[in-house]
Amino acid sequence: MFVVADSSFYIHNPDKLADVDLHQVLDLPPDKHIRVLFPIAVVDELDGLKDAGKHQARWRASHTLGLLDSTLAGSTVGILRRADSSGEPAMWRGEVNVEIVLDQPGHVRLPIADDEIIDRAVAIQTLAAREVRLLTCDTGQHTRGRAAGLKVTKVPAKDLGSEPDWSAQDKPGTGVRAKRRERQAAQDG
């Protein structure tokens, strides 16, 4: 199975790349081999997130790139997890490979990174003459991928929880800032 995951998967998936069970996420038989393809545009996005954005995004981007670097050891192809066919068939695990897919010489990237990732996945699918699965946590990317003819797995990023009590938003708070505002209002009034 060829898989292209966008940066939203590496940042927002409940499990970091080192811990994620891709067979479960992709609903694949456990002995199926998986090749995770990293278009260089995804690597570049992750590199950019290492230095910007929220703390979790920075950490997850650094983790993903660090794991990729150690797995590849200077190459563009490596084995993230070796196949294991010992024991009962229900416990078998297929190999998980990773590969960086470089832009061909003269390639001009699309201005929107999400469009570029979809374009690369479609190009890989055409060249490989086999299905490429797009893996994302992003609703827009899910829609774009399906429209481009890719099979897409959208992973829910996190539970939003219960709807907030919107009526409480107009009530004064009880925190430090609210008390400071009360004192300031009393001094001004």
Protein backbone atom coordinates (compact mmCIF):
# COMPACT_ATOMS: atom_id res chain seq x y z
CA MET A 1 0.00 0.00 0.00
CA PHE A 2 1.40 3.38 -1.02
CA VAL A 3 0.45 6.17 1.39
CA VAL A 4 1.02 9.92 1.24
CA ALA A 5 0.27 11.70 4.51
CA ASP A 6 0.06 15.46 4.66
CA SER A 7 1.60 17.47 7.49
CA SER A 8 -1.76 17.69 9.31
CA PHE A 9 -1.55 13.94 9.93
CA TYR A 10 1.92 14.17 11.45
CA ILE A 11 0.91 17.15 13.63
CA HIS A 12 -2.68 16.38 14.67
CA ASN A 13 -3.01 12.59 14.65
CA PRO A 14 -3.65 11.40 18.21
CA ASP A 15 -0.44 9.28 18.08
CA LYS A 16 2.96 10.57 17.03
CA LEU A 17 4.61 8.84 14.06
CA ALA A 18 6.80 6.61 16.26
CA ASP A 19 3.70 5.19 17.98
CA VAL A 20 1.01 5.19 15.30
CA ASP A 21 -0.37 1.85 14.09
CA LEU A 22 -0.75 2.63 10.39
CA HIS A 23 -2.43 -0.71 9.72
CA GLN A 24 -5.19 0.21 12.13
CA VAL A 25 -5.48 3.82 10.90
CA LEU A 26 -5.71 2.66 7.28
CA ASP A 27 -7.92 -0.33 8.14
CA LEU A 28 -5.47 -2.74 6.49
CA PRO A 29 -4.76 -6.37 7.27
CA PRO A 30 -1.88 -6.45 9.77
CA ASP A 31 0.47 -8.34 7.42
CA LYS A 32 0.11 -5.84 4.55
CA HIS A 33 3.28 -3.91 3.68
CA ILE A 34 3.03 -0.11 3.73
CA ARG A 35 5.23 2.43 1.98
CA VAL A 36 4.81 5.92 3.43
CA LEU A 37 5.82 8.44 0.78
CA PHE A 38 6.97 11.88 1.90
CA PRO A 39 6.74 14.34 -0.98
CA ILE A 40 9.50 16.88 -0.39
CA ALA A 41 6.75 19.52 -0.07
CA VAL A 42 5.58 17.75 3.13
CA VAL A 43 9.16 17.66 4.45
CA ASP A 44 9.46 21.40 3.70
CA GLU A 45 6.17 22.12 5.52
CA LEU A 46 7.34 20.16 8.55
CA ASP A 47 10.68 22.01 8.47
CA GLY A 48 8.77 25.31 8.53
CA LEU A 49 6.60 24.16 11.43
CA LYS A 50 9.67 23.34 13.55
CA ASP A 51 10.33 27.05 13.94
CA ALA A 52 6.83 28.50 13.92
CA GLY A 53 3.35 27.84 15.15
CA LYS A 54 2.11 26.32 18.34
CA HIS A 55 4.18 24.26 20.74
CA GLN A 56 2.59 20.91 19.78
CA ALA A 57 3.09 21.60 16.07
CA ARG A 58 6.75 22.47 16.63
CA TRP A 59 7.33 19.35 18.72
CA ARG A 60 5.48 17.00 16.38
CA ALA A 61 7.26 18.42 13.31
CA SER A 62 10.65 17.99 15.01
CA HIS A 63 9.74 14.46 16.13
CA THR A 64 8.58 13.41 12.65
CA LEU A 65 11.64 14.84 10.91
CA GLY A 66 14.00 13.39 13.52
CA LEU A 67 12.45 9.94 13.12
CA LEU A 68 12.62 10.30 9.34
CA ASP A 69 16.31 11.32 9.50
CA SER A 70 17.26 8.42 11.76
CA THR A 71 15.30 5.93 9.64
CA LEU A 72 16.73 7.13 6.34
CA ALA A 73 20.33 7.50 7.57
CA GLY A 74 21.29 9.75 4.65
CA SER A 75 19.26 7.90 2.03
CA THR A 76 15.83 8.67 0.62
CA VAL A 77 14.43 5.20 1.47
CA GLY A 78 14.39 3.35 4.79
CA ILE A 79 12.53 0.89 6.99
CA LEU A 80 10.48 2.41 9.79
CA ARG A 81 9.26 -0.98 11.10
CA ARG A 82 10.45 -4.40 9.99
CA ALA A 83 7.95 -7.10 9.07
CA ASP A 84 7.20 -9.62 11.80
CA SER A 85 5.60 -12.91 10.78
CA SER A 86 6.48 -14.84 13.92
CA GLY A 87 3.79 -16.36 16.09
CA GLU A 88 0.10 -16.46 15.25
CA PRO A 89 -1.03 -14.90 11.93
CA ALA A 90 -3.24 -12.45 13.85
CA MET A 91 -0.07 -10.99 15.40
CA TRP A 92 1.86 -10.62 12.11
CA ARG A 93 2.86 -7.13 11.05
CA GLY A 94 3.79 -5.99 7.58
CA GLU A 95 6.86 -3.88 6.94
CA VAL A 96 6.50 -0.09 7.02
CA ASN A 97 8.91 1.69 4.68
CA VAL A 98 9.37 5.43 4.31
CA GLU A 99 10.60 7.26 1.25
CA ILE A 100 11.19 10.89 0.43
CA VAL A 101 9.87 11.71 -3.03
CA LEU A 102 11.93 14.53 -4.51
CA ASP A 103 10.62 16.95 -7.12
CA GLN A 104 11.83 16.11 -10.60
CA PRO A 105 14.19 18.66 -12.22
CA GLY A 106 12.28 21.64 -13.58
CA HIS A 107 9.19 20.98 -11.48
CA VAL A 108 7.40 24.17 -10.48
CA ARG A 109 5.44 23.85 -7.28
CA LEU A 110 1.86 24.93 -7.01
CA PRO A 111 1.37 28.05 -4.86
CA ILE A 112 -0.82 26.28 -2.28
CA ALA A 113 1.03 23.53 -0.38
CA ASP A 114 -2.09 21.35 -0.02
CA ASP A 115 -2.62 21.45 -3.80
CA GLU A 116 1.05 20.55 -4.33
CA ILE A 117 0.76 17.51 -2.06
CA ILE A 118 -2.36 16.31 -3.89
CA ASP A 119 -0.62 16.89 -7.24
CA ARG A 120 2.39 14.83 -6.14
CA ALA A 121 0.18 11.99 -4.84
CA VAL A 122 -1.74 11.89 -8.13
CA ALA A 123 1.55 11.91 -10.09
CA ILE A 124 2.89 9.02 -7.97
CA GLN A 125 -0.36 7.10 -8.50
CA THR A 126 -0.07 7.56 -12.26
CA LEU A 127 3.62 6.59 -12.41
CA ALA A 128 3.27 3.61 -10.07
CA ALA A 129 0.07 2.43 -11.78
CA ARG A 130 -1.35 1.62 -8.36
CA GLU A 131 -3.56 3.24 -5.78
CA VAL A 132 -2.02 5.87 -3.52
CA ARG A 133 -3.91 6.53 -0.30
CA LEU A 134 -3.93 10.07 1.06
CA LEU A 135 -3.87 10.30 4.86
CA THR A 136 -4.96 13.56 6.47
CA CYS A 137 -6.62 15.16 9.48
CA ASP A 138 -7.74 18.12 7.36
CA THR A 139 -11.29 18.36 5.97
CA GLY A 140 -10.23 20.59 3.05
CA GLN A 141 -7.42 18.23 2.08
CA HIS A 142 -9.82 15.26 2.33
CA THR A 143 -12.18 16.99 -0.09
CA ARG A 144 -9.39 18.02 -2.49
CA GLY A 145 -7.93 14.50 -2.51
CA ARG A 146 -11.24 12.83 -3.29
CA ALA A 147 -11.94 15.35 -6.05
CA ALA A 148 -8.53 14.49 -7.58
CA GLY A 149 -9.38 10.78 -7.65
CA LEU A 150 -7.41 9.63 -4.62
CA LYS A 151 -8.66 7.27 -1.97
CA VAL A 152 -8.50 9.32 1.23
CA THR A 153 -8.46 8.35 4.89
CA LYS A 154 -9.39 11.24 7.15
CA VAL A 155 -8.34 10.78 10.75
CA PRO A 156 -10.26 12.75 13.37
CA ALA A 157 -7.69 14.96 15.08
CA LYS A 158 -9.24 15.37 18.51
CA ASP A 159 -12.55 15.45 20.29
CA LEU A 160 -13.86 19.00 20.55
CA GLY A 161 -15.75 18.17 23.73
CA SER A 162 -19.08 19.64 24.70
CA GLU A 163 -20.34 22.88 23.23
CA PRO A 164 -19.30 25.83 25.42
CA ASP A 165 -21.86 27.72 27.48
CA TRP A 166 -22.11 30.72 25.15
CA SER A 167 -24.20 32.72 27.62
CA ALA A 168 -21.29 32.64 30.09
CA GLN A 169 -19.10 34.52 27.61
CA ASP A 170 -20.88 37.78 28.36
CA LYS A 171 -20.45 37.39 32.13
CA PRO A 172 -17.42 38.85 33.85
CA GLY A 173 -14.70 36.36 34.63
CA THR A 174 -13.19 35.58 38.00
CA GLY A 175 -9.54 35.29 36.94
CA VAL A 176 -6.62 37.67 37.43
CA ARG A 177 -7.40 39.69 34.30
CA ALA A 178 -11.06 40.09 35.24
CA LYS A 179 -10.13 41.34 38.71
CA ARG A 180 -7.58 43.73 37.22
CA ARG A 181 -10.26 45.10 34.87
CA GLU A 182 -12.66 45.55 37.85
CA ARG A 183 -10.02 47.51 39.78
CA GLN A 184 -9.21 49.63 36.73
CA ALA A 185 -12.90 50.35 36.14
CA ALA A 186 -13.34 51.31 39.82
CA GLN A 187 -10.34 53.69 39.63
CA ASP A 188 -11.56 55.25 36.37
CA GLY A 189 -15.17 55.57 37.54
